[in-house]
Amino acid sequence: FQLQQIFRVDISIAFNILGIESMRAGHYRIAYTCFKLAAD
């Protein structure tokens, strides 16, 4: 269970970082999708 939680958080962090980088590059739709995956 702990490993699942860590994996879940790490994936969320990764999606959020991808979203931030996409936003900076002006790829707003991709950024939104990444943020939404982590937010959910």
Full PDB file with SEQRES, HELIX, SHEET, SSBOND, CRYST1, ORIGX, SCALE, CONECT and MASTER records, all heavy atoms in Angstrom:
SEQRES   1 A   40  PHE GLN LEU GLN GLN ILE PHE ARG VAL ASP ILE SER ILE          
SEQRES   2 A   40  ALA PHE ASN ILE LEU GLY ILE GLU SER MET ARG ALA GLY          
SEQRES   3 A   40  HIS TYR ARG ILE ALA TYR THR CYS PHE LYS LEU ALA ALA          
SEQRES   4 A   40  ASP                                                          
HELIX    1 AA1 GLN A    2  ARG A   24  1                                  23    
HELIX    2 AA2 TYR A   28  ALA A   39  1                                  12    
CRYST1    1.000    1.000    1.000  90.00  90.00  90.00 P 1           1          
ORIGX1      1.000000  0.000000  0.000000        0.00000                         
ORIGX2      0.000000  1.000000  0.000000        0.00000                         
ORIGX3      0.000000  0.000000  1.000000        0.00000                         
SCALE1      1.000000  0.000000  0.000000        0.00000                         
SCALE2      0.000000  1.000000  0.000000        0.00000                         
SCALE3      0.000000  0.000000  1.000000        0.00000                         
ATOM      1  N   PHE A   1       0.835  -1.198   0.000  1.00  0.00           N  
ATOM      2  CA  PHE A   1       0.000   0.000   0.000  1.00  0.00           C  
ATOM      3  C   PHE A   1       0.876   1.257   0.000  1.00  0.00           C  
ATOM      4  O   PHE A   1       0.619   2.207  -0.739  1.00  0.00           O  
ATOM      5  CB  PHE A   1      -0.924  -0.002   1.223  1.00  0.00           C  
ATOM      6  CG  PHE A   1      -1.759   1.234   1.344  1.00  0.00           C  
ATOM      7  CD1 PHE A   1      -2.845   1.436   0.507  1.00  0.00           C  
ATOM      8  CD2 PHE A   1      -1.443   2.206   2.293  1.00  0.00           C  
ATOM      9  CE1 PHE A   1      -3.612   2.594   0.608  1.00  0.00           C  
ATOM     10  CE2 PHE A   1      -2.203   3.361   2.398  1.00  0.00           C  
ATOM     11  CZ  PHE A   1      -3.285   3.553   1.556  1.00  0.00           C  
ATOM     12  N   GLN A   2       1.916   1.264   0.825  1.00  0.00           N  
ATOM     13  CA  GLN A   2       2.831   2.418   0.893  1.00  0.00           C  
ATOM     14  C   GLN A   2       3.511   2.645  -0.452  1.00  0.00           C  
ATOM     15  O   GLN A   2       3.658   3.788  -0.899  1.00  0.00           O  
ATOM     16  CB  GLN A   2       3.888   2.200   1.994  1.00  0.00           C  
ATOM     17  CG  GLN A   2       3.338   2.230   3.403  1.00  0.00           C  
ATOM     18  CD  GLN A   2       2.741   3.577   3.772  1.00  0.00           C  
ATOM     19  OE1 GLN A   2       3.165   4.612   3.287  1.00  0.00           O  
ATOM     20  NE2 GLN A   2       1.733   3.551   4.633  1.00  0.00           N  
ATOM     21  N   LEU A   3       3.935   1.557  -1.116  1.00  0.00           N  
ATOM     22  CA  LEU A   3       4.563   1.687  -2.437  1.00  0.00           C  
ATOM     23  C   LEU A   3       3.588   2.260  -3.452  1.00  0.00           C  
ATOM     24  O   LEU A   3       3.959   3.104  -4.267  1.00  0.00           O  
ATOM     25  CB  LEU A   3       5.075   0.323  -2.919  1.00  0.00           C  
ATOM     26  CG  LEU A   3       6.428  -0.122  -2.362  1.00  0.00           C  
ATOM     27  CD1 LEU A   3       6.724  -1.545  -2.784  1.00  0.00           C  
ATOM     28  CD2 LEU A   3       7.534   0.812  -2.814  1.00  0.00           C  
ATOM     29  N   GLN A   4       2.339   1.835  -3.385  1.00  0.00           N  
ATOM     30  CA  GLN A   4       1.319   2.377  -4.288  1.00  0.00           C  
ATOM     31  C   GLN A   4       1.151   3.876  -4.062  1.00  0.00           C  
ATOM     32  O   GLN A   4       1.040   4.648  -5.013  1.00  0.00           O  
ATOM     33  CB  GLN A   4      -0.022   1.682  -4.066  1.00  0.00           C  
ATOM     34  CG  GLN A   4      -0.129   0.326  -4.694  1.00  0.00           C  
ATOM     35  CD  GLN A   4      -1.493  -0.294  -4.418  1.00  0.00           C  
ATOM     36  OE1 GLN A   4      -2.038  -0.139  -3.337  1.00  0.00           O  
ATOM     37  NE2 GLN A   4      -2.029  -0.993  -5.408  1.00  0.00           N  
ATOM     38  N   GLN A   5       1.128   4.293  -2.797  1.00  0.00           N  
ATOM     39  CA  GLN A   5       0.960   5.712  -2.465  1.00  0.00           C  
ATOM     40  C   GLN A   5       2.141   6.533  -2.984  1.00  0.00           C  
ATOM     41  O   GLN A   5       1.952   7.608  -3.544  1.00  0.00           O  
ATOM     42  CB  GLN A   5       0.809   5.907  -0.953  1.00  0.00           C  
ATOM     43  CG  GLN A   5      -0.469   5.336  -0.369  1.00  0.00           C  
ATOM     44  CD  GLN A   5      -1.701   5.950  -1.009  1.00  0.00           C  
ATOM     45  OE1 GLN A   5      -2.302   5.379  -1.922  1.00  0.00           O  
ATOM     46  NE2 GLN A   5      -2.078   7.121  -0.562  1.00  0.00           N  
ATOM     47  N   ILE A   6       3.350   6.016  -2.785  1.00  0.00           N  
ATOM     48  CA  ILE A   6       4.551   6.722  -3.247  1.00  0.00           C  
ATOM     49  C   ILE A   6       4.520   6.847  -4.770  1.00  0.00           C  
ATOM     50  O   ILE A   6       4.786   7.915  -5.330  1.00  0.00           O  
ATOM     51  CB  ILE A   6       5.831   5.999  -2.771  1.00  0.00           C  
ATOM     52  CG1 ILE A   6       5.973   6.156  -1.251  1.00  0.00           C  
ATOM     53  CG2 ILE A   6       7.067   6.529  -3.481  1.00  0.00           C  
ATOM     54  CD1 ILE A   6       7.002   5.246  -0.619  1.00  0.00           C  
ATOM     55  N   PHE A   7       4.182   5.757  -5.445  1.00  0.00           N  
ATOM     56  CA  PHE A   7       4.107   5.766  -6.912  1.00  0.00           C  
ATOM     57  C   PHE A   7       3.067   6.770  -7.376  1.00  0.00           C  
ATOM     58  O   PHE A   7       3.305   7.538  -8.309  1.00  0.00           O  
ATOM     59  CB  PHE A   7       3.776   4.365  -7.424  1.00  0.00           C  
ATOM     60  CG  PHE A   7       3.664   4.289  -8.914  1.00  0.00           C  
ATOM     61  CD1 PHE A   7       4.792   4.382  -9.712  1.00  0.00           C  
ATOM     62  CD2 PHE A   7       2.422   4.135  -9.530  1.00  0.00           C  
ATOM     63  CE1 PHE A   7       4.692   4.323 -11.094  1.00  0.00           C  
ATOM     64  CE2 PHE A   7       2.310   4.079 -10.913  1.00  0.00           C  
ATOM     65  CZ  PHE A   7       3.456   4.170 -11.698  1.00  0.00           C  
ATOM     66  N   ARG A   8       1.931   6.777  -6.714  1.00  0.00           N  
ATOM     67  CA  ARG A   8       0.843   7.686  -7.079  1.00  0.00           C  
ATOM     68  C   ARG A   8       1.272   9.144  -6.943  1.00  0.00           C  
ATOM     69  O   ARG A   8       1.021   9.964  -7.819  1.00  0.00           O  
ATOM     70  CB  ARG A   8      -0.352   7.391  -6.174  1.00  0.00           C  
ATOM     71  CG  ARG A   8      -1.594   8.120  -6.527  1.00  0.00           C  
ATOM     72  CD  ARG A   8      -2.723   7.639  -5.647  1.00  0.00           C  
ATOM     73  NE  ARG A   8      -3.756   8.637  -5.627  1.00  0.00           N  
ATOM     74  CZ  ARG A   8      -4.818   8.578  -4.863  1.00  0.00           C  
ATOM     75  NH1 ARG A   8      -4.994   7.567  -4.066  1.00  0.00           N  
ATOM     76  NH2 ARG A   8      -5.708   9.523  -4.902  1.00  0.00           N  
ATOM     77  N   VAL A   9       1.941   9.462  -5.835  1.00  0.00           N  
ATOM     78  CA  VAL A   9       2.416  10.835  -5.609  1.00  0.00           C  
ATOM     79  C   VAL A   9       3.493  11.195  -6.618  1.00  0.00           C  
ATOM     80  O   VAL A   9       3.474  12.282  -7.200  1.00  0.00           O  
ATOM     81  CB  VAL A   9       2.920  11.007  -4.157  1.00  0.00           C  
ATOM     82  CG1 VAL A   9       3.639  12.322  -3.990  1.00  0.00           C  
ATOM     83  CG2 VAL A   9       1.764  10.899  -3.177  1.00  0.00           C  
ATOM     84  N   ASP A  10       4.444  10.275  -6.868  1.00  0.00           N  
ATOM     85  CA  ASP A  10       5.518  10.555  -7.820  1.00  0.00           C  
ATOM     86  C   ASP A  10       4.966  10.811  -9.227  1.00  0.00           C  
ATOM     87  O   ASP A  10       5.417  11.718  -9.917  1.00  0.00           O  
ATOM     88  CB  ASP A  10       6.517   9.393  -7.861  1.00  0.00           C  
ATOM     89  CG  ASP A  10       7.427   9.391  -6.639  1.00  0.00           C  
ATOM     90  OD1 ASP A  10       7.416  10.380  -5.880  1.00  0.00           O  
ATOM     91  OD2 ASP A  10       8.145   8.390  -6.451  1.00  0.00           O  
ATOM     92  N   ILE A  11       3.984  10.024  -9.646  1.00  0.00           N  
ATOM     93  CA  ILE A  11       3.373  10.220 -10.960  1.00  0.00           C  
ATOM     94  C   ILE A  11       2.686  11.584 -11.011  1.00  0.00           C  
ATOM     95  O   ILE A  11       2.805  12.314 -11.989  1.00  0.00           O  
ATOM     96  CB  ILE A  11       2.352   9.087 -11.257  1.00  0.00           C  
ATOM     97  CG1 ILE A  11       3.070   7.786 -11.533  1.00  0.00           C  
ATOM     98  CG2 ILE A  11       1.445   9.443 -12.418  1.00  0.00           C  
ATOM     99  CD1 ILE A  11       3.864   7.761 -12.817  1.00  0.00           C  
ATOM    100  N   SER A  12       2.010  11.939  -9.938  1.00  0.00           N  
ATOM    101  CA  SER A  12       1.319  13.233  -9.879  1.00  0.00           C  
ATOM    102  C   SER A  12       2.307  14.383  -9.973  1.00  0.00           C  
ATOM    103  O   SER A  12       2.072  15.354 -10.691  1.00  0.00           O  
ATOM    104  CB  SER A  12       0.502  13.345  -8.585  1.00  0.00           C  
ATOM    105  OG  SER A  12      -0.475  12.339  -8.548  1.00  0.00           O  
ATOM    106  N   ILE A  13       3.414  14.254  -9.252  1.00  0.00           N  
ATOM    107  CA  ILE A  13       4.453  15.300  -9.301  1.00  0.00           C  
ATOM    108  C   ILE A  13       5.002  15.410 -10.718  1.00  0.00           C  
ATOM    109  O   ILE A  13       5.175  16.513 -11.247  1.00  0.00           O  
ATOM    110  CB  ILE A  13       5.577  15.004  -8.282  1.00  0.00           C  
ATOM    111  CG1 ILE A  13       5.049  15.160  -6.857  1.00  0.00           C  
ATOM    112  CG2 ILE A  13       6.773  15.927  -8.506  1.00  0.00           C  
ATOM    113  CD1 ILE A  13       5.986  14.646  -5.776  1.00  0.00           C  
ATOM    114  N   ALA A  14       5.268  14.265 -11.348  1.00  0.00           N  
ATOM    115  CA  ALA A  14       5.804  14.263 -12.705  1.00  0.00           C  
ATOM    116  C   ALA A  14       4.830  14.923 -13.681  1.00  0.00           C  
ATOM    117  O   ALA A  14       5.230  15.747 -14.513  1.00  0.00           O  
ATOM    118  CB  ALA A  14       6.117  12.832 -13.142  1.00  0.00           C  
ATOM    119  N   PHE A  15       3.543  14.562 -13.591  1.00  0.00           N  
ATOM    120  CA  PHE A  15       2.544  15.182 -14.472  1.00  0.00           C  
ATOM    121  C   PHE A  15       2.479  16.688 -14.244  1.00  0.00           C  
ATOM    122  O   PHE A  15       2.368  17.463 -15.197  1.00  0.00           O  
ATOM    123  CB  PHE A  15       1.158  14.574 -14.253  1.00  0.00           C  
ATOM    124  CG  PHE A  15       0.915  13.289 -14.999  1.00  0.00           C  
ATOM    125  CD1 PHE A  15       0.380  12.187 -14.355  1.00  0.00           C  
ATOM    126  CD2 PHE A  15       1.203  13.182 -16.354  1.00  0.00           C  
ATOM    127  CE1 PHE A  15       0.141  11.002 -15.038  1.00  0.00           C  
ATOM    128  CE2 PHE A  15       0.973  12.011 -17.056  1.00  0.00           C  
ATOM    129  CZ  PHE A  15       0.440  10.909 -16.387  1.00  0.00           C  
ATOM    130  N   ASN A  16       2.541  17.111 -12.979  1.00  0.00           N  
ATOM    131  CA  ASN A  16       2.476  18.541 -12.676  1.00  0.00           C  
ATOM    132  C   ASN A  16       3.681  19.275 -13.264  1.00  0.00           C  
ATOM    133  O   ASN A  16       3.546  20.353 -13.832  1.00  0.00           O  
ATOM    134  CB  ASN A  16       2.376  18.763 -11.172  1.00  0.00           C  
ATOM    135  CG  ASN A  16       1.972  20.174 -10.830  1.00  0.00           C  
ATOM    136  OD1 ASN A  16       0.943  20.663 -11.271  1.00  0.00           O  
ATOM    137  ND2 ASN A  16       2.801  20.849 -10.049  1.00  0.00           N  
ATOM    138  N   ILE A  17       4.870  18.689 -13.140  1.00  0.00           N  
ATOM    139  CA  ILE A  17       6.086  19.304 -13.699  1.00  0.00           C  
ATOM    140  C   ILE A  17       5.981  19.388 -15.218  1.00  0.00           C  
ATOM    141  O   ILE A  17       6.321  20.416 -15.818  1.00  0.00           O  
ATOM    142  CB  ILE A  17       7.343  18.531 -13.252  1.00  0.00           C  
ATOM    143  CG1 ILE A  17       7.569  18.733 -11.747  1.00  0.00           C  
ATOM    144  CG2 ILE A  17       8.574  18.981 -14.042  1.00  0.00           C  
ATOM    145  CD1 ILE A  17       8.616  17.826 -11.128  1.00  0.00           C  
ATOM    146  N   LEU A  18       5.502  18.308 -15.845  1.00  0.00           N  
ATOM    147  CA  LEU A  18       5.293  18.334 -17.303  1.00  0.00           C  
ATOM    148  C   LEU A  18       4.314  19.440 -17.692  1.00  0.00           C  
ATOM    149  O   LEU A  18       4.502  20.125 -18.702  1.00  0.00           O  
ATOM    150  CB  LEU A  18       4.759  16.983 -17.792  1.00  0.00           C  
ATOM    151  CG  LEU A  18       5.772  15.863 -17.977  1.00  0.00           C  
ATOM    152  CD1 LEU A  18       5.059  14.545 -18.254  1.00  0.00           C  
ATOM    153  CD2 LEU A  18       6.736  16.193 -19.105  1.00  0.00           C  
ATOM    154  N   GLY A  19       3.288  19.603 -16.871  1.00  0.00           N  
ATOM    155  CA  GLY A  19       2.319  20.666 -17.128  1.00  0.00           C  
ATOM    156  C   GLY A  19       2.949  22.044 -17.058  1.00  0.00           C  
ATOM    157  O   GLY A  19       2.711  22.899 -17.921  1.00  0.00           O  
ATOM    158  N   ILE A  20       3.771  22.256 -16.042  1.00  0.00           N  
ATOM    159  CA  ILE A  20       4.435  23.560 -15.884  1.00  0.00           C  
ATOM    160  C   ILE A  20       5.360  23.837 -17.069  1.00  0.00           C  
ATOM    161  O   ILE A  20       5.353  24.942 -17.639  1.00  0.00           O  
ATOM    162  CB  ILE A  20       5.215  23.607 -14.547  1.00  0.00           C  
ATOM    163  CG1 ILE A  20       4.230  23.613 -13.368  1.00  0.00           C  
ATOM    164  CG2 ILE A  20       6.135  24.828 -14.496  1.00  0.00           C  
ATOM    165  CD1 ILE A  20       4.872  23.372 -12.012  1.00  0.00           C  
ATOM    166  N   GLU A  21       6.142  22.833 -17.471  1.00  0.00           N  
ATOM    167  CA  GLU A  21       7.048  23.008 -18.619  1.00  0.00           C  
ATOM    168  C   GLU A  21       6.268  23.256 -19.907  1.00  0.00           C  
ATOM    169  O   GLU A  21       6.671  24.087 -20.729  1.00  0.00           O  
ATOM    170  CB  GLU A  21       7.970  21.784 -18.762  1.00  0.00           C  
ATOM    171  CG  GLU A  21       8.959  21.629 -17.617  1.00  0.00           C  
ATOM    172  CD  GLU A  21       9.841  22.851 -17.404  1.00  0.00           C  
ATOM    173  OE1 GLU A  21      10.338  23.434 -18.401  1.00  0.00           O  
ATOM    174  OE2 GLU A  21      10.036  23.249 -16.235  1.00  0.00           O  
ATOM    175  N   SER A  22       5.165  22.545 -20.079  1.00  0.00           N  
ATOM    176  CA  SER A  22       4.332  22.751 -21.273  1.00  0.00           C  
ATOM    177  C   SER A  22       3.732  24.144 -21.275  1.00  0.00           C  
ATOM    178  O   SER A  22       3.655  24.804 -22.318  1.00  0.00           O  
ATOM    179  CB  SER A  22       3.215  21.702 -21.326  1.00  0.00           C  
ATOM    180  OG  SER A  22       3.763  20.408 -21.435  1.00  0.00           O  
ATOM    181  N   MET A  23       3.299  24.623 -20.109  1.00  0.00           N  
ATOM    182  CA  MET A  23       2.724  25.966 -19.995  1.00  0.00           C  
ATOM    183  C   MET A  23       3.774  27.010 -20.383  1.00  0.00           C  
ATOM    184  O   MET A  23       3.484  27.945 -21.143  1.00  0.00           O  
ATOM    185  CB  MET A  23       2.214  26.189 -18.570  1.00  0.00           C  
ATOM    186  CG  MET A  23       1.396  27.441 -18.373  1.00  0.00           C  
ATOM    187  SD  MET A  23      -0.169  27.514 -19.277  1.00  0.00           S  
ATOM    188  CE  MET A  23      -1.196  26.399 -18.371  1.00  0.00           C  
ATOM    189  N   ARG A  24       4.989  26.830 -19.881  1.00  0.00           N  
ATOM    190  CA  ARG A  24       6.080  27.777 -20.204  1.00  0.00           C  
ATOM    191  C   ARG A  24       6.375  27.801 -21.703  1.00  0.00           C  
ATOM    192  O   ARG A  24       6.755  28.833 -22.244  1.00  0.00           O  
ATOM    193  CB  ARG A  24       7.347  27.407 -19.437  1.00  0.00           C  
ATOM    194  CG  ARG A  24       7.277  27.754 -17.980  1.00  0.00           C  
ATOM    195  CD  ARG A  24       8.581  27.466 -17.273  1.00  0.00           C  
ATOM    196  NE  ARG A  24       8.456  27.774 -15.858  1.00  0.00           N  
ATOM    197  CZ  ARG A  24       9.028  27.087 -14.893  1.00  0.00           C  
ATOM    198  NH1 ARG A  24       9.797  26.056 -15.155  1.00  0.00           N  
ATOM    199  NH2 ARG A  24       8.848  27.428 -13.629  1.00  0.00           N  
ATOM    200  N   ALA A  25       6.225  26.643 -22.353  1.00  0.00           N  
ATOM    201  CA  ALA A  25       6.499  26.546 -23.794  1.00  0.00           C  
ATOM    202  C   ALA A  25       5.310  27.011 -24.635  1.00  0.00           C  
ATOM    203  O   ALA A  25       5.391  27.027 -25.863  1.00  0.00           O  
ATOM    204  CB  ALA A  25       6.862  25.108 -24.151  1.00  0.00           C  
ATOM    205  N   GLY A  26       4.202  27.371 -23.968  1.00  0.00           N  
ATOM    206  CA  GLY A  26       3.033  27.847 -24.692  1.00  0.00           C  
ATOM    207  C   GLY A  26       2.113  26.740 -25.182  1.00  0.00           C  
ATOM    208  O   GLY A  26       1.208  26.993 -25.965  1.00  0.00           O  
ATOM    209  N   HIS A  27       2.344  25.515 -24.727  1.00  0.00           N  
ATOM    210  CA  HIS A  27       1.496  24.384 -25.109  1.00  0.00           C  
ATOM    211  C   HIS A  27       0.414  24.211 -24.041  1.00  0.00           C  
ATOM    212  O   HIS A  27       0.461  23.306 -23.218  1.00  0.00           O  
ATOM    213  CB  HIS A  27       2.333  23.108 -25.253  1.00  0.00           C  
ATOM    214  CG  HIS A  27       3.474  23.246 -26.212  1.00  0.00           C  
ATOM    215  ND1 HIS A  27       3.293  23.551 -27.544  1.00  0.00           N  
ATOM    216  CD2 HIS A  27       4.815  23.135 -26.030  1.00  0.00           C  
ATOM    217  CE1 HIS A  27       4.468  23.609 -28.135  1.00  0.00           C  
ATOM    218  NE2 HIS A  27       5.413  23.366 -27.242  1.00  0.00           N  
ATOM    219  N   TYR A  28      -0.571  25.101 -24.080  1.00  0.00           N  
ATOM    220  CA  TYR A  28      -1.557  25.187 -23.007  1.00  0.00           C  
ATOM    221  C   TYR A  28      -2.450  23.956 -22.898  1.00  0.00           C  
ATOM    222  O   TYR A  28      -2.775  23.518 -21.803  1.00  0.00           O  
ATOM    223  CB  TYR A  28      -2.413  26.443 -23.171  1.00  0.00           C  
ATOM    224  CG  TYR A  28      -1.606  27.710 -23.186  1.00  0.00           C  
ATOM    225  CD1 TYR A  28      -1.815  28.695 -24.138  1.00  0.00           C  
ATOM    226  CD2 TYR A  28      -0.598  27.921 -22.244  1.00  0.00           C  
ATOM    227  CE1 TYR A  28      -1.071  29.855 -24.157  1.00  0.00           C  
ATOM    228  CE2 TYR A  28       0.162  29.082 -22.260  1.00  0.00           C  
ATOM    229  CZ  TYR A  28      -0.073  30.038 -23.216  1.00  0.00           C  
ATOM    230  OH  TYR A  28       0.673  31.179 -23.221  1.00  0.00           O  
ATOM    231  N   ARG A  29      -2.849  23.383 -24.022  1.00  0.00           N  
ATOM    232  CA  ARG A  29      -3.733  22.215 -24.005  1.00  0.00           C  
ATOM    233  C   ARG A  29      -3.017  21.022 -23.354  1.00  0.00           C  
ATOM    234  O   ARG A  29      -3.588  20.320 -22.532  1.00  0.00           O  
ATOM    235  CB  ARG A  29      -4.166  21.889 -25.438  1.00  0.00           C  
ATOM    236  CG  ARG A  29      -5.061  20.671 -25.577  1.00  0.00           C  
ATOM    237  CD  ARG A  29      -6.279  20.782 -24.748  1.00  0.00           C  
ATOM    238  NE  ARG A  29      -7.446  21.159 -25.488  1.00  0.00           N  
ATOM    239  CZ  ARG A  29      -8.642  21.218 -24.936  1.00  0.00           C  
ATOM    240  NH1 ARG A  29      -8.814  20.927 -23.678  1.00  0.00           N  
ATOM    241  NH2 ARG A  29      -9.684  21.578 -25.635  1.00  0.00           N  
ATOM    242  N   ILE A  30      -1.761  20.812 -23.716  1.00  0.00           N  
ATOM    243  CA  ILE A  30      -0.973  19.725 -23.113  1.00  0.00           C  
ATOM    244  C   ILE A  30      -0.782  19.984 -21.621  1.00  0.00           C  
ATOM    245  O   ILE A  30      -0.925  19.076 -20.794  1.00  0.00           O  
ATOM    246  CB  ILE A  30       0.390  19.574 -23.822  1.00  0.00           C  
ATOM    247  CG1 ILE A  30       0.183  19.120 -25.269  1.00  0.00           C  
ATOM    248  CG2 ILE A  30       1.294  18.592 -23.072  1.00  0.00           C  
ATOM    249  CD1 ILE A  30       1.431  19.192 -26.132  1.00  0.00           C  
ATOM    250  N   ALA A  31      -0.498  21.235 -21.263  1.00  0.00           N  
ATOM    251  CA  ALA A  31      -0.309  21.599 -19.858  1.00  0.00           C  
ATOM    252  C   ALA A  31      -1.567  21.289 -19.055  1.00  0.00           C  
ATOM    253  O   ALA A  31      -1.496  20.650 -17.993  1.00  0.00           O  
ATOM    254  CB  ALA A  31       0.046  23.083 -19.736  1.00  0.00           C  
ATOM    255  N   TYR A  32      -2.708  21.717 -19.583  1.00  0.00           N  
ATOM    256  CA  TYR A  32      -3.975  21.459 -18.902  1.00  0.00           C  
ATOM    257  C   TYR A  32      -4.179  19.958 -18.700  1.00  0.00           C  
ATOM    258  O   TYR A  32      -4.563  19.513 -17.617  1.00  0.00           O  
ATOM    259  CB  TYR A  32      -5.143  22.064 -19.691  1.00  0.00           C  
ATOM    260  CG  TYR A  32      -6.485  21.542 -19.249  1.00  0.00           C  
ATOM    261  CD1 TYR A  32      -7.077  22.011 -18.081  1.00  0.00           C  
ATOM    262  CD2 TYR A  32      -7.141  20.550 -19.969  1.00  0.00           C  
ATOM    263  CE1 TYR A  32      -8.300  21.507 -17.652  1.00  0.00           C  
ATOM    264  CE2 TYR A  32      -8.357  20.051 -19.552  1.00  0.00           C  
ATOM    265  CZ  TYR A  32      -8.930  20.527 -18.391  1.00  0.00           C  
ATOM    266  OH  TYR A  32     -10.131  20.021 -17.967  1.00  0.00           O  
ATOM    267  N   THR A  33      -3.933  19.170 -19.726  1.00  0.00           N  
ATOM    268  CA  THR A  33      -4.109  17.711 -19.642  1.00  0.00           C  
ATOM    269  C   THR A  33      -3.218  17.108 -18.559  1.00  0.00           C  
ATOM    270  O   THR A  33      -3.672  16.273 -17.765  1.00  0.00           O  
ATOM    271  CB  THR A  33      -3.813  17.057 -21.012  1.00  0.00           C  
ATOM    272  OG1 THR A  33      -4.693  17.626 -21.987  1.00  0.00           O  
ATOM    273  CG2 THR A  33      -4.017  15.553 -20.958  1.00  0.00           C  
ATOM    274  N   CYS A  34      -1.966  17.549 -18.513  1.00  0.00           N  
ATOM    275  CA  CYS A  34      -1.036  17.048 -17.482  1.00  0.00           C  
ATOM    276  C   CYS A  34      -1.505  17.444 -16.080  1.00  0.00           C  
ATOM    277  O   CYS A  34      -1.516  16.614 -15.161  1.00  0.00           O  
ATOM    278  CB  CYS A  34       0.373  17.574 -17.736  1.00  0.00           C  
ATOM    279  SG  CYS A  34       1.151  16.875 -19.205  1.00  0.00           S  
ATOM    280  N   PHE A  35      -1.869  18.707 -15.921  1.00  0.00           N  
ATOM    281  CA  PHE A  35      -2.353  19.169 -14.615  1.00  0.00           C  
ATOM    282  C   PHE A  35      -3.577  18.372 -14.178  1.00  0.00           C  
ATOM    283  O   PHE A  35      -3.695  17.964 -13.031  1.00  0.00           O  
ATOM    284  CB  PHE A  35      -2.721  20.658 -14.657  1.00  0.00           C  
ATOM    285  CG  PHE A  35      -1.565  21.595 -14.832  1.00  0.00           C  
ATOM    286  CD1 PHE A  35      -1.714  22.763 -15.563  1.00  0.00           C  
ATOM    287  CD2 PHE A  35      -0.328  21.340 -14.254  1.00  0.00           C  
ATOM    288  CE1 PHE A  35      -0.663  23.653 -15.723  1.00  0.00           C  
ATOM    289  CE2 PHE A  35       0.734  22.224 -14.416  1.00  0.00           C  
ATOM    290  CZ  PHE A  35       0.567  23.379 -15.155  1.00  0.00           C  
ATOM    291  N   LYS A  36      -4.497  18.142 -15.135  1.00  0.00           N  
ATOM    292  CA  LYS A  36      -5.750  17.442 -14.818  1.00  0.00           C  
ATOM    293  C   LYS A  36      -5.480  16.001 -14.385  1.00  0.00           C  
ATOM    294  O   LYS A  36      -6.091  15.512 -13.424  1.00  0.00           O  
ATOM    295  CB  LYS A  36      -6.663  17.475 -16.045  1.00  0.00           C  
ATOM    296  CG  LYS A  36      -8.038  16.897 -15.833  1.00  0.00           C  
ATOM    297  CD  LYS A  36      -8.994  17.937 -15.300  1.00  0.00           C  
ATOM    298  CE  LYS A  36     -10.435  17.505 -15.362  1.00  0.00           C  
ATOM    299  NZ  LYS A  36     -10.755  16.283 -14.668  1.00  0.00           N  
ATOM    300  N   LEU A  37      -4.547  15.335 -15.044  1.00  0.00           N  
ATOM    301  CA  LEU A  37      -4.205  13.963 -14.666  1.00  0.00           C  
ATOM    302  C   LEU A  37      -3.682  13.910 -13.228  1.00  0.00           C  
ATOM    303  O   LEU A  37      -4.048  13.022 -12.452  1.00  0.00           O  
ATOM    304  CB  LEU A  37      -3.161  13.385 -15.633  1.00  0.00           C  
ATOM    305  CG  LEU A  37      -3.685  13.013 -17.020  1.00  0.00           C  
ATOM    306  CD1 LEU A  37      -2.525  12.756 -17.973  1.00  0.00           C  
ATOM    307  CD2 LEU A  37      -4.586  11.791 -16.939  1.00  0.00           C  
ATOM    308  N   ALA A  38      -2.839  14.869 -12.877  1.00  0.00           N  
ATOM    309  CA  ALA A  38      -2.293  14.906 -11.509  1.00  0.00           C  
ATOM    310  C   ALA A  38      -3.359  15.352 -10.509  1.00  0.00           C  
ATOM    311  O   ALA A  38      -3.431  14.828  -9.391  1.00  0.00           O  
ATOM    312  CB  ALA A  38      -1.086  15.836 -11.453  1.00  0.00           C  
ATOM    313  N   ALA A  39      -4.186  16.298 -10.919  1.00  0.00           N  
ATOM    314  CA  ALA A  39      -5.239  16.799 -10.027  1.00  0.00           C  
ATOM    315  C   ALA A  39      -6.236  15.703  -9.681  1.00  0.00           C  
ATOM    316  O   ALA A  39      -6.666  15.579  -8.533  1.00  0.00           O  
ATOM    317  CB  ALA A  39      -5.962  17.982 -10.674  1.00  0.00           C  
ATOM    318  N   ASP A  40      -6.579  14.890 -10.671  1.00  0.00           N  
ATOM    319  CA  ASP A  40      -7.540  13.808 -10.447  1.00  0.00           C  
ATOM    320  C   ASP A  40      -6.981  12.731  -9.520  1.00  0.00           C  
ATOM    321  O   ASP A  40      -7.738  11.909  -9.004  1.00  0.00           O  
ATOM    322  CB  ASP A  40      -7.976  13.194 -11.782  1.00  0.00           C  
ATOM    323  CG  ASP A  40      -8.853  14.145 -12.586  1.00  0.00           C  
ATOM    324  OD1 ASP A  40      -9.353  15.140 -12.010  1.00  0.00           O  
ATOM    325  OD2 ASP A  40      -9.034  13.909 -13.799  1.00  0.00           O  
TER     326      ASP A  40                                                      
MASTER        0    0    0    2    0    0    0    6  325    1    0    4          
END                                                                             
